[in-house]
Amino acid sequence: MKKRVDLLLMEKGLAESRTKAQAYLMSGVVLVDGQKVDKAGTLVEADATVEIKEKSPYVSRGALKIEKAYKEFGLDLKNKVICDIGSSTGGFTDFALQHGAKRVYAIDVGYGQLDQKLREDSRVVVMEKTNFRNVSELPEKIGFFICDVSFISLKKIIPQIKTICHSRPPLSFPRRRESLRRINSGGNLDPRVKPEDDSSCKTQCILLIKPQFEVGKEIADKAKGVIKDEKIQAEVVEDIAKFAEENGFGVMGITESAITGAKGNREFLIWLKL
């Protein structure tokens, strides 16, 4: 008899939930009779040997994306109140908690995706079935916004972050130095010069830029959802950086994600201060 591999992972006690099982599969760490399986709906023999070759310390591979920015930019999340926009399974939330966050407001339009471990964590405020664009305030001052959203442009997210932070006067930032434009016209990463830190900043953001959701439907459809053109990637990153500046944010750094999106899309992280 055959069974779905995600359900088999649960039955064998290798995953605490179906969501966690799917996260393992997407990460490419599940082996069935020695062969890698990465699709949750794959049917395998019920008596097959199923194993996880290396367990991630986080609930999902998404944590590896923010980890890159955390290390490269020397970020400090200790005792910070975090807002995780598009929390999904909770990779970003889990990373923040494991690095000292005081509390995380986990916001997502979906329902039932957040890992059970995080649901039971008293430091997590679960805000499911919630569109961030409709959130005008939160109970606490947010020290850090982290964001990984799909099927929506960051241009819809950035102004709402500013709205939530509206209760204090905006800070003044110098324009970016050319060296901060991490992606050149050929799509390659340029050396980053870390700007002077501004300790007066009250809010910081790490936002994941996904070119496939920024280019517009026509280009995305033509590329079948996978943007391989490095020139377009560079233009998208620069466009988001300029948009953030126009909304009063300081662009402190940009880096490429350590891993690609589910379909192989190149993704980038932008560090902002307000």
C-alpha atoms as a PDB file:
ATOM      1  CA  MET A   1       0.000   0.000   0.000  1.00  0.00           C
ATOM      2  CA  LYS A   2       1.247   3.475  -0.837  1.00  0.00           C
ATOM      3  CA  LYS A   3       0.966   6.641   1.240  1.00  0.00           C
ATOM      4  CA  ARG A   4       1.762  10.307   0.846  1.00  0.00           C
ATOM      5  CA  VAL A   5       5.296  10.903   2.030  1.00  0.00           C
ATOM      6  CA  ASP A   6       4.342  13.884   4.225  1.00  0.00           C
ATOM      7  CA  LEU A   7       1.826  11.733   6.129  1.00  0.00           C
ATOM      8  CA  LEU A   8       4.349   8.920   6.399  1.00  0.00           C
ATOM      9  CA  LEU A   9       6.847  11.293   8.005  1.00  0.00           C
ATOM     10  CA  MET A  10       4.269  12.037  10.696  1.00  0.00           C
ATOM     11  CA  GLU A  11       3.340   8.391  11.216  1.00  0.00           C
ATOM     12  CA  LYS A  12       6.978   7.457  11.703  1.00  0.00           C
ATOM     13  CA  GLY A  13       7.457  10.251  14.228  1.00  0.00           C
ATOM     14  CA  LEU A  14       9.909  12.168  12.049  1.00  0.00           C
ATOM     15  CA  ALA A  15       7.731  15.287  11.854  1.00  0.00           C
ATOM     16  CA  GLU A  16       5.496  16.785  14.547  1.00  0.00           C
ATOM     17  CA  SER A  17       2.968  18.093  12.041  1.00  0.00           C
ATOM     18  CA  ARG A  18       2.089  17.999   8.375  1.00  0.00           C
ATOM     19  CA  THR A  19       3.385  21.543   8.006  1.00  0.00           C
ATOM     20  CA  LYS A  20       6.733  20.512   9.490  1.00  0.00           C
ATOM     21  CA  ALA A  21       6.846  17.455   7.215  1.00  0.00           C
ATOM     22  CA  GLN A  22       6.296  19.647   4.169  1.00  0.00           C
ATOM     23  CA  ALA A  23       9.020  22.016   5.366  1.00  0.00           C
ATOM     24  CA  TYR A  24      11.477  19.107   5.580  1.00  0.00           C
ATOM     25  CA  LEU A  25      10.513  17.987   2.082  1.00  0.00           C
ATOM     26  CA  MET A  26      10.951  21.462   0.596  1.00  0.00           C
ATOM     27  CA  SER A  27      14.368  21.663   2.240  1.00  0.00           C
ATOM     28  CA  GLY A  28      15.458  18.548   0.358  1.00  0.00           C
ATOM     29  CA  VAL A  29      16.503  16.616   3.465  1.00  0.00           C
ATOM     30  CA  VAL A  30      14.050  13.694   3.193  1.00  0.00           C
ATOM     31  CA  LEU A  31      15.302  10.361   1.839  1.00  0.00           C
ATOM     32  CA  VAL A  32      13.016   7.466   0.903  1.00  0.00           C
ATOM     33  CA  ASP A  33      14.928   4.225   0.399  1.00  0.00           C
ATOM     34  CA  GLY A  34      18.015   6.373  -0.068  1.00  0.00           C
ATOM     35  CA  GLN A  35      16.489   8.652  -2.724  1.00  0.00           C
ATOM     36  CA  LYS A  36      15.699  12.328  -2.156  1.00  0.00           C
ATOM     37  CA  VAL A  37      12.002  13.222  -2.207  1.00  0.00           C
ATOM     38  CA  ASP A  38      10.952  16.871  -2.110  1.00  0.00           C
ATOM     39  CA  LYS A  39       7.236  16.846  -2.973  1.00  0.00           C
ATOM     40  CA  ALA A  40       4.684  16.341  -0.194  1.00  0.00           C
ATOM     41  CA  GLY A  41       2.209  14.518  -2.431  1.00  0.00           C
ATOM     42  CA  THR A  42       4.668  11.857  -3.595  1.00  0.00           C
ATOM     43  CA  LEU A  43       3.265   8.364  -2.991  1.00  0.00           C
ATOM     44  CA  VAL A  44       5.693   5.858  -1.486  1.00  0.00           C
ATOM     45  CA  GLU A  45       5.394   2.353  -0.081  1.00  0.00           C
ATOM     46  CA  ALA A  46       4.133   2.365   3.508  1.00  0.00           C
ATOM     47  CA  ASP A  47       7.018   0.130   4.590  1.00  0.00           C
ATOM     48  CA  ALA A  48       9.695   2.216   2.831  1.00  0.00           C
ATOM     49  CA  THR A  49      12.727   3.397   4.772  1.00  0.00           C
ATOM     50  CA  VAL A  50      12.191   7.093   5.404  1.00  0.00           C
ATOM     51  CA  GLU A  51      14.833   9.284   7.015  1.00  0.00           C
ATOM     52  CA  ILE A  52      15.837  12.899   7.428  1.00  0.00           C
ATOM     53  CA  LYS A  53      19.496  13.294   6.562  1.00  0.00           C
ATOM     54  CA  GLU A  54      19.989  16.481   8.555  1.00  0.00           C
ATOM     55  CA  LYS A  55      17.484  18.236  10.750  1.00  0.00           C
ATOM     56  CA  SER A  56      17.429  22.005  10.615  1.00  0.00           C
ATOM     57  CA  PRO A  57      17.491  23.821  13.963  1.00  0.00           C
ATOM     58  CA  TYR A  58      14.574  25.903  12.662  1.00  0.00           C
ATOM     59  CA  VAL A  59      10.970  25.074  11.806  1.00  0.00           C
ATOM     60  CA  SER A  60      11.459  25.919   8.127  1.00  0.00           C
ATOM     61  CA  ARG A  61      14.127  26.714   5.556  1.00  0.00           C
ATOM     62  CA  GLY A  62      12.962  30.340   5.537  1.00  0.00           C
ATOM     63  CA  ALA A  63      15.111  30.930   8.606  1.00  0.00           C
ATOM     64  CA  LEU A  64      18.212  30.411   6.472  1.00  0.00           C
ATOM     65  CA  LYS A  65      17.245  33.484   4.440  1.00  0.00           C
ATOM     66  CA  ILE A  66      17.153  35.903   7.355  1.00  0.00           C
ATOM     67  CA  GLU A  67      20.205  34.217   8.899  1.00  0.00           C
ATOM     68  CA  LYS A  68      22.302  35.529   5.989  1.00  0.00           C
ATOM     69  CA  ALA A  69      21.265  39.135   6.670  1.00  0.00           C
ATOM     70  CA  TYR A  70      21.651  38.681  10.421  1.00  0.00           C
ATOM     71  CA  LYS A  71      25.262  37.586  10.097  1.00  0.00           C
ATOM     72  CA  GLU A  72      26.311  39.890   7.278  1.00  0.00           C
ATOM     73  CA  PHE A  73      24.827  43.059   8.751  1.00  0.00           C
ATOM     74  CA  GLY A  74      25.669  42.250  12.372  1.00  0.00           C
ATOM     75  CA  LEU A  75      22.059  42.626  13.508  1.00  0.00           C
ATOM     76  CA  ASP A  76      20.970  42.476  17.140  1.00  0.00           C
ATOM     77  CA  LEU A  77      17.540  41.005  17.926  1.00  0.00           C
ATOM     78  CA  LYS A  78      18.007  40.646  21.672  1.00  0.00           C
ATOM     79  CA  ASN A  79      15.031  41.917  23.687  1.00  0.00           C
ATOM     80  CA  LYS A  80      13.459  43.339  20.518  1.00  0.00           C
ATOM     81  CA  VAL A  81       9.718  43.225  19.842  1.00  0.00           C
ATOM     82  CA  ILE A  82       9.390  41.813  16.329  1.00  0.00           C
ATOM     83  CA  CYS A  83       6.642  41.914  13.721  1.00  0.00           C
ATOM     84  CA  ASP A  84       6.876  38.996  11.287  1.00  0.00           C
ATOM     85  CA  ILE A  85       4.899  39.861   8.152  1.00  0.00           C
ATOM     86  CA  GLY A  86       3.890  36.746   6.225  1.00  0.00           C
ATOM     87  CA  SER A  87       4.937  34.410   9.029  1.00  0.00           C
ATOM     88  CA  SER A  88       3.701  31.225   7.296  1.00  0.00           C
ATOM     89  CA  THR A  89       5.335  28.195   8.971  1.00  0.00           C
ATOM     90  CA  GLY A  90       7.389  30.516  11.145  1.00  0.00           C
ATOM     91  CA  GLY A  91      10.964  30.319   9.884  1.00  0.00           C
ATOM     92  CA  PHE A  92      11.653  34.015  10.474  1.00  0.00           C
ATOM     93  CA  THR A  93       9.778  33.953  13.808  1.00  0.00           C
ATOM     94  CA  ASP A  94      11.734  30.931  15.017  1.00  0.00           C
ATOM     95  CA  PHE A  95      15.032  32.534  14.022  1.00  0.00           C
ATOM     96  CA  ALA A  96      14.154  35.741  15.872  1.00  0.00           C
ATOM     97  CA  LEU A  97      13.226  33.873  19.055  1.00  0.00           C
ATOM     98  CA  GLN A  98      16.362  31.741  18.967  1.00  0.00           C
ATOM     99  CA  HIS A  99      18.368  34.964  18.726  1.00  0.00           C
ATOM    100  CA  GLY A 100      16.879  36.662  21.733  1.00  0.00           C
ATOM    101  CA  ALA A 101      13.692  38.387  20.562  1.00  0.00           C
ATOM    102  CA  LYS A 102      11.422  39.426  23.426  1.00  0.00           C
ATOM    103  CA  ARG A 103       8.199  38.833  21.514  1.00  0.00           C
ATOM    104  CA  VAL A 104       7.032  38.225  17.939  1.00  0.00           C
ATOM    105  CA  TYR A 105       3.743  39.281  16.368  1.00  0.00           C
ATOM    106  CA  ALA A 106       3.304  36.606  13.684  1.00  0.00           C
ATOM    107  CA  ILE A 107       0.989  37.985  10.997  1.00  0.00           C
ATOM    108  CA  ASP A 108      -0.322  35.994   8.042  1.00  0.00           C
ATOM    109  CA  VAL A 109      -3.403  36.040   5.817  1.00  0.00           C
ATOM    110  CA  GLY A 110      -3.464  32.246   5.957  1.00  0.00           C
ATOM    111  CA  TYR A 111      -4.591  29.921   8.735  1.00  0.00           C
ATOM    112  CA  GLY A 112      -3.076  26.892  10.419  1.00  0.00           C
ATOM    113  CA  GLN A 113       0.389  27.236   8.894  1.00  0.00           C
ATOM    114  CA  LEU A 114       2.406  28.314  11.935  1.00  0.00           C
ATOM    115  CA  ASP A 115       4.397  25.474  13.485  1.00  0.00           C
ATOM    116  CA  GLN A 116       2.875  24.059  16.672  1.00  0.00           C
ATOM    117  CA  LYS A 117       6.048  24.727  18.643  1.00  0.00           C
ATOM    118  CA  LEU A 118       5.675  28.426  17.942  1.00  0.00           C
ATOM    119  CA  ARG A 119       1.939  28.433  18.650  1.00  0.00           C
ATOM    120  CA  GLU A 120       2.680  27.167  22.121  1.00  0.00           C
ATOM    121  CA  ASP A 121       5.469  29.689  22.751  1.00  0.00           C
ATOM    122  CA  SER A 122       4.269  32.451  25.094  1.00  0.00           C
ATOM    123  CA  ARG A 123       6.505  34.935  23.254  1.00  0.00           C
ATOM    124  CA  VAL A 124       4.528  34.534  20.024  1.00  0.00           C
ATOM    125  CA  VAL A 125       1.343  36.498  19.342  1.00  0.00           C
ATOM    126  CA  VAL A 126      -0.420  34.581  16.570  1.00  0.00           C
ATOM    127  CA  MET A 127      -2.301  36.877  14.178  1.00  0.00           C
ATOM    128  CA  GLU A 128      -3.720  34.525  11.548  1.00  0.00           C
ATOM    129  CA  LYS A 129      -6.317  35.466   8.932  1.00  0.00           C
ATOM    130  CA  THR A 130      -4.853  38.957   9.124  1.00  0.00           C
ATOM    131  CA  ASN A 131      -3.867  41.072   6.145  1.00  0.00           C
ATOM    132  CA  PHE A 132      -0.945  43.254   7.215  1.00  0.00           C
ATOM    133  CA  ARG A 133      -2.222  46.029   4.962  1.00  0.00           C
ATOM    134  CA  ASN A 134      -5.216  46.344   7.297  1.00  0.00           C
ATOM    135  CA  VAL A 135      -3.089  46.613  10.445  1.00  0.00           C
ATOM    136  CA  SER A 136      -2.709  50.254  11.469  1.00  0.00           C
ATOM    137  CA  GLU A 137      -1.299  49.726  14.953  1.00  0.00           C
ATOM    138  CA  LEU A 138       0.060  47.084  17.306  1.00  0.00           C
ATOM    139  CA  PRO A 139      -0.015  46.947  21.134  1.00  0.00           C
ATOM    140  CA  GLU A 140       3.732  47.568  21.439  1.00  0.00           C
ATOM    141  CA  LYS A 141       6.431  49.587  19.720  1.00  0.00           C
ATOM    142  CA  ILE A 142       8.028  47.354  17.119  1.00  0.00           C
ATOM    143  CA  GLY A 143      11.812  47.270  17.139  1.00  0.00           C
ATOM    144  CA  PHE A 144      12.148  45.090  14.054  1.00  0.00           C
ATOM    145  CA  PHE A 145       9.910  44.259  11.105  1.00  0.00           C
ATOM    146  CA  ILE A 146      10.816  41.091   9.220  1.00  0.00           C
ATOM    147  CA  CYS A 147       8.985  40.150   6.056  1.00  0.00           C
ATOM    148  CA  ASP A 148       8.665  37.241   3.635  1.00  0.00           C
ATOM    149  CA  VAL A 149       5.514  37.602   1.540  1.00  0.00           C
ATOM    150  CA  SER A 150       4.372  36.154  -1.777  1.00  0.00           C
ATOM    151  CA  PHE A 151       1.991  37.310  -4.513  1.00  0.00           C
ATOM    152  CA  ILE A 152       2.248  40.911  -3.334  1.00  0.00           C
ATOM    153  CA  SER A 153       4.770  43.692  -3.910  1.00  0.00           C
ATOM    154  CA  LEU A 154       6.796  45.153  -1.065  1.00  0.00           C
ATOM    155  CA  LYS A 155       5.473  48.504  -2.279  1.00  0.00           C
ATOM    156  CA  LYS A 156       2.214  47.501  -0.574  1.00  0.00           C
ATOM    157  CA  ILE A 157       4.042  46.578   2.634  1.00  0.00           C
ATOM    158  CA  ILE A 158       6.551  49.399   3.151  1.00  0.00           C
ATOM    159  CA  PRO A 159       3.983  52.234   3.485  1.00  0.00           C
ATOM    160  CA  GLN A 160       2.029  50.180   6.039  1.00  0.00           C
ATOM    161  CA  ILE A 161       5.155  49.714   8.146  1.00  0.00           C
ATOM    162  CA  LYS A 162       5.532  53.481   8.094  1.00  0.00           C
ATOM    163  CA  THR A 163       1.881  53.889   9.140  1.00  0.00           C
ATOM    164  CA  ILE A 164       2.394  51.661  12.174  1.00  0.00           C
ATOM    165  CA  CYS A 165       5.453  53.715  13.114  1.00  0.00           C
ATOM    166  CA  HIS A 166       3.675  57.056  12.492  1.00  0.00           C
ATOM    167  CA  SER A 167       3.441  58.030  16.154  1.00  0.00           C
ATOM    168  CA  ARG A 168       7.012  59.355  16.229  1.00  0.00           C
ATOM    169  CA  PRO A 169       8.737  61.855  13.929  1.00  0.00           C
ATOM    170  CA  PRO A 170      10.739  60.360  11.039  1.00  0.00           C
ATOM    171  CA  LEU A 171      14.513  60.422  11.190  1.00  0.00           C
ATOM    172  CA  SER A 172      16.688  61.919   8.471  1.00  0.00           C
ATOM    173  CA  PHE A 173      18.992  59.651   6.484  1.00  0.00           C
ATOM    174  CA  PRO A 174      21.665  60.489   3.923  1.00  0.00           C
ATOM    175  CA  ARG A 175      21.199  59.090   0.453  1.00  0.00           C
ATOM    176  CA  ARG A 176      22.855  55.759  -0.168  1.00  0.00           C
ATOM    177  CA  ARG A 177      26.433  55.655  -1.248  1.00  0.00           C
ATOM    178  CA  GLU A 178      26.946  54.002  -4.626  1.00  0.00           C
ATOM    179  CA  SER A 179      28.726  51.104  -2.935  1.00  0.00           C
ATOM    180  CA  LEU A 180      25.526  50.177  -1.132  1.00  0.00           C
ATOM    181  CA  ARG A 181      23.898  49.289  -4.425  1.00  0.00           C
ATOM    182  CA  ARG A 182      24.818  45.686  -3.992  1.00  0.00           C
ATOM    183  CA  ILE A 183      23.589  44.540  -7.395  1.00  0.00           C
ATOM    184  CA  ASN A 184      25.211  46.032 -10.458  1.00  0.00           C
ATOM    185  CA  SER A 185      23.704  46.255 -13.931  1.00  0.00           C
ATOM    186  CA  GLY A 186      25.061  42.819 -14.785  1.00  0.00           C
ATOM    187  CA  GLY A 187      23.247  41.223 -11.880  1.00  0.00           C
ATOM    188  CA  ASN A 188      26.373  40.621  -9.818  1.00  0.00           C
ATOM    189  CA  LEU A 189      26.942  41.517  -6.207  1.00  0.00           C
ATOM    190  CA  ASP A 190      29.202  44.478  -5.507  1.00  0.00           C
ATOM    191  CA  PRO A 191      31.308  44.772  -2.340  1.00  0.00           C
ATOM    192  CA  ARG A 192      29.288  46.316   0.460  1.00  0.00           C
ATOM    193  CA  VAL A 193      30.571  49.190   2.553  1.00  0.00           C
ATOM    194  CA  LYS A 194      28.760  49.140   5.877  1.00  0.00           C
ATOM    195  CA  PRO A 195      27.395  52.623   6.660  1.00  0.00           C
ATOM    196  CA  GLU A 196      27.786  54.345   9.979  1.00  0.00           C
ATOM    197  CA  ASP A 197      25.248  53.050  12.476  1.00  0.00           C
ATOM    198  CA  ASP A 198      22.605  55.464  13.731  1.00  0.00           C
ATOM    199  CA  SER A 199      21.781  54.493  17.311  1.00  0.00           C
ATOM    200  CA  SER A 200      18.843  56.885  17.345  1.00  0.00           C
ATOM    201  CA  CYS A 201      16.866  54.659  14.972  1.00  0.00           C
ATOM    202  CA  LYS A 202      13.774  53.208  16.620  1.00  0.00           C
ATOM    203  CA  THR A 203      12.710  50.704  13.964  1.00  0.00           C
ATOM    204  CA  GLN A 204      14.598  48.418  11.610  1.00  0.00           C
ATOM    205  CA  CYS A 205      13.386  46.109   8.850  1.00  0.00           C
ATOM    206  CA  ILE A 206      14.673  43.080   7.016  1.00  0.00           C
ATOM    207  CA  LEU A 207      12.488  42.557   3.968  1.00  0.00           C
ATOM    208  CA  LEU A 208      12.819  39.729   1.457  1.00  0.00           C
ATOM    209  CA  ILE A 209      12.714  40.983  -2.134  1.00  0.00           C
ATOM    210  CA  LYS A 210      11.207  38.459  -4.545  1.00  0.00           C
ATOM    211  CA  PRO A 211      11.624  39.724  -8.125  1.00  0.00           C
ATOM    212  CA  GLN A 212       8.876  37.442  -9.448  1.00  0.00           C
ATOM    213  CA  PHE A 213       6.304  39.392  -7.422  1.00  0.00           C
ATOM    214  CA  GLU A 214       7.700  42.833  -8.251  1.00  0.00           C
ATOM    215  CA  VAL A 215       8.013  42.759 -12.041  1.00  0.00           C
ATOM    216  CA  GLY A 216       4.344  42.762 -12.957  1.00  0.00           C
ATOM    217  CA  LYS A 217       2.103  40.037 -14.344  1.00  0.00           C
ATOM    218  CA  GLU A 218       3.188  40.318 -17.988  1.00  0.00           C
ATOM    219  CA  ILE A 219       6.896  39.781 -17.305  1.00  0.00           C
ATOM    220  CA  ALA A 220       6.228  37.152 -14.633  1.00  0.00           C
ATOM    221  CA  ASP A 221       3.931  35.168 -16.927  1.00  0.00           C
ATOM    222  CA  LYS A 222       6.425  35.344 -19.791  1.00  0.00           C
ATOM    223  CA  ALA A 223       9.139  34.022 -17.474  1.00  0.00           C
ATOM    224  CA  LYS A 224       6.753  31.361 -16.107  1.00  0.00           C
ATOM    225  CA  GLY A 225       7.232  32.725 -12.609  1.00  0.00           C
ATOM    226  CA  VAL A 226      11.019  32.328 -12.560  1.00  0.00           C
ATOM    227  CA  ILE A 227      12.977  35.543 -13.187  1.00  0.00           C
ATOM    228  CA  LYS A 228      16.385  34.517 -14.535  1.00  0.00           C
ATOM    229  CA  ASP A 229      17.330  37.804 -16.218  1.00  0.00           C
ATOM    230  CA  GLU A 230      19.975  39.337 -13.945  1.00  0.00           C
ATOM    231  CA  LYS A 231      19.371  42.809 -15.342  1.00  0.00           C
ATOM    232  CA  ILE A 232      15.709  42.610 -14.317  1.00  0.00           C
ATOM    233  CA  GLN A 233      16.717  41.322 -10.883  1.00  0.00           C
ATOM    234  CA  ALA A 234      19.043  44.296 -10.438  1.00  0.00           C
ATOM    235  CA  GLU A 235      16.373  46.749 -11.567  1.00  0.00           C
ATOM    236  CA  VAL A 236      13.858  45.286  -9.108  1.00  0.00           C
ATOM    237  CA  VAL A 237      16.236  45.565  -6.156  1.00  0.00           C
ATOM    238  CA  GLU A 238      17.147  49.151  -7.022  1.00  0.00           C
ATOM    239  CA  ASP A 239      13.482  50.050  -7.516  1.00  0.00           C
ATOM    240  CA  ILE A 240      12.533  48.743  -4.064  1.00  0.00           C
ATOM    241  CA  ALA A 241      15.492  50.554  -2.488  1.00  0.00           C
ATOM    242  CA  LYS A 242      14.437  53.842  -4.100  1.00  0.00           C
ATOM    243  CA  PHE A 243      10.826  53.315  -3.056  1.00  0.00           C
ATOM    244  CA  ALA A 244      11.907  52.750   0.550  1.00  0.00           C
ATOM    245  CA  GLU A 245      13.950  55.960   0.503  1.00  0.00           C
ATOM    246  CA  GLU A 246      11.034  57.904  -0.924  1.00  0.00           C
ATOM    247  CA  ASN A 247       9.002  56.695   2.047  1.00  0.00           C
ATOM    248  CA  GLY A 248      11.545  57.989   4.542  1.00  0.00           C
ATOM    249  CA  PHE A 249      13.536  54.829   5.206  1.00  0.00           C
ATOM    250  CA  GLY A 250      17.298  54.629   5.252  1.00  0.00           C
ATOM    251  CA  VAL A 251      18.701  51.805   3.120  1.00  0.00           C
ATOM    252  CA  MET A 252      21.492  50.324   5.196  1.00  0.00           C
ATOM    253  CA  GLY A 253      22.374  47.256   3.171  1.00  0.00           C
ATOM    254  CA  ILE A 254      21.307  44.711   0.564  1.00  0.00           C
ATOM    255  CA  THR A 255      22.411  41.112   0.215  1.00  0.00           C
ATOM    256  CA  GLU A 256      21.418  37.990  -1.677  1.00  0.00           C
ATOM    257  CA  SER A 257      19.590  35.207   0.136  1.00  0.00           C
ATOM    258  CA  ALA A 258      21.710  32.157   0.930  1.00  0.00           C
ATOM    259  CA  ILE A 259      19.058  29.938  -0.647  1.00  0.00           C
ATOM    260  CA  THR A 260      16.717  30.382  -3.590  1.00  0.00           C
ATOM    261  CA  GLY A 261      12.937  30.391  -3.534  1.00  0.00           C
ATOM    262  CA  ALA A 262      10.933  27.201  -3.975  1.00  0.00           C
ATOM    263  CA  LYS A 263      11.067  27.419  -7.797  1.00  0.00           C
ATOM    264  CA  GLY A 264      14.710  28.458  -7.903  1.00  0.00           C
ATOM    265  CA  ASN A 265      14.119  32.207  -7.945  1.00  0.00           C
ATOM    266  CA  ARG A 266      16.992  34.380  -6.782  1.00  0.00           C
ATOM    267  CA  GLU A 267      15.903  36.450  -3.752  1.00  0.00           C
ATOM    268  CA  PHE A 268      17.430  39.391  -1.885  1.00  0.00           C
ATOM    269  CA  LEU A 269      17.215  40.939   1.561  1.00  0.00           C
ATOM    270  CA  ILE A 270      17.125  44.670   2.182  1.00  0.00           C
ATOM    271  CA  TRP A 271      17.959  46.222   5.555  1.00  0.00           C
ATOM    272  CA  LEU A 272      16.060  49.414   6.329  1.00  0.00           C
ATOM    273  CA  LYS A 273      15.906  51.846   9.226  1.00  0.00           C
ATOM    274  CA  LEU A 274      13.227  54.357  10.056  1.00  0.00           C
END
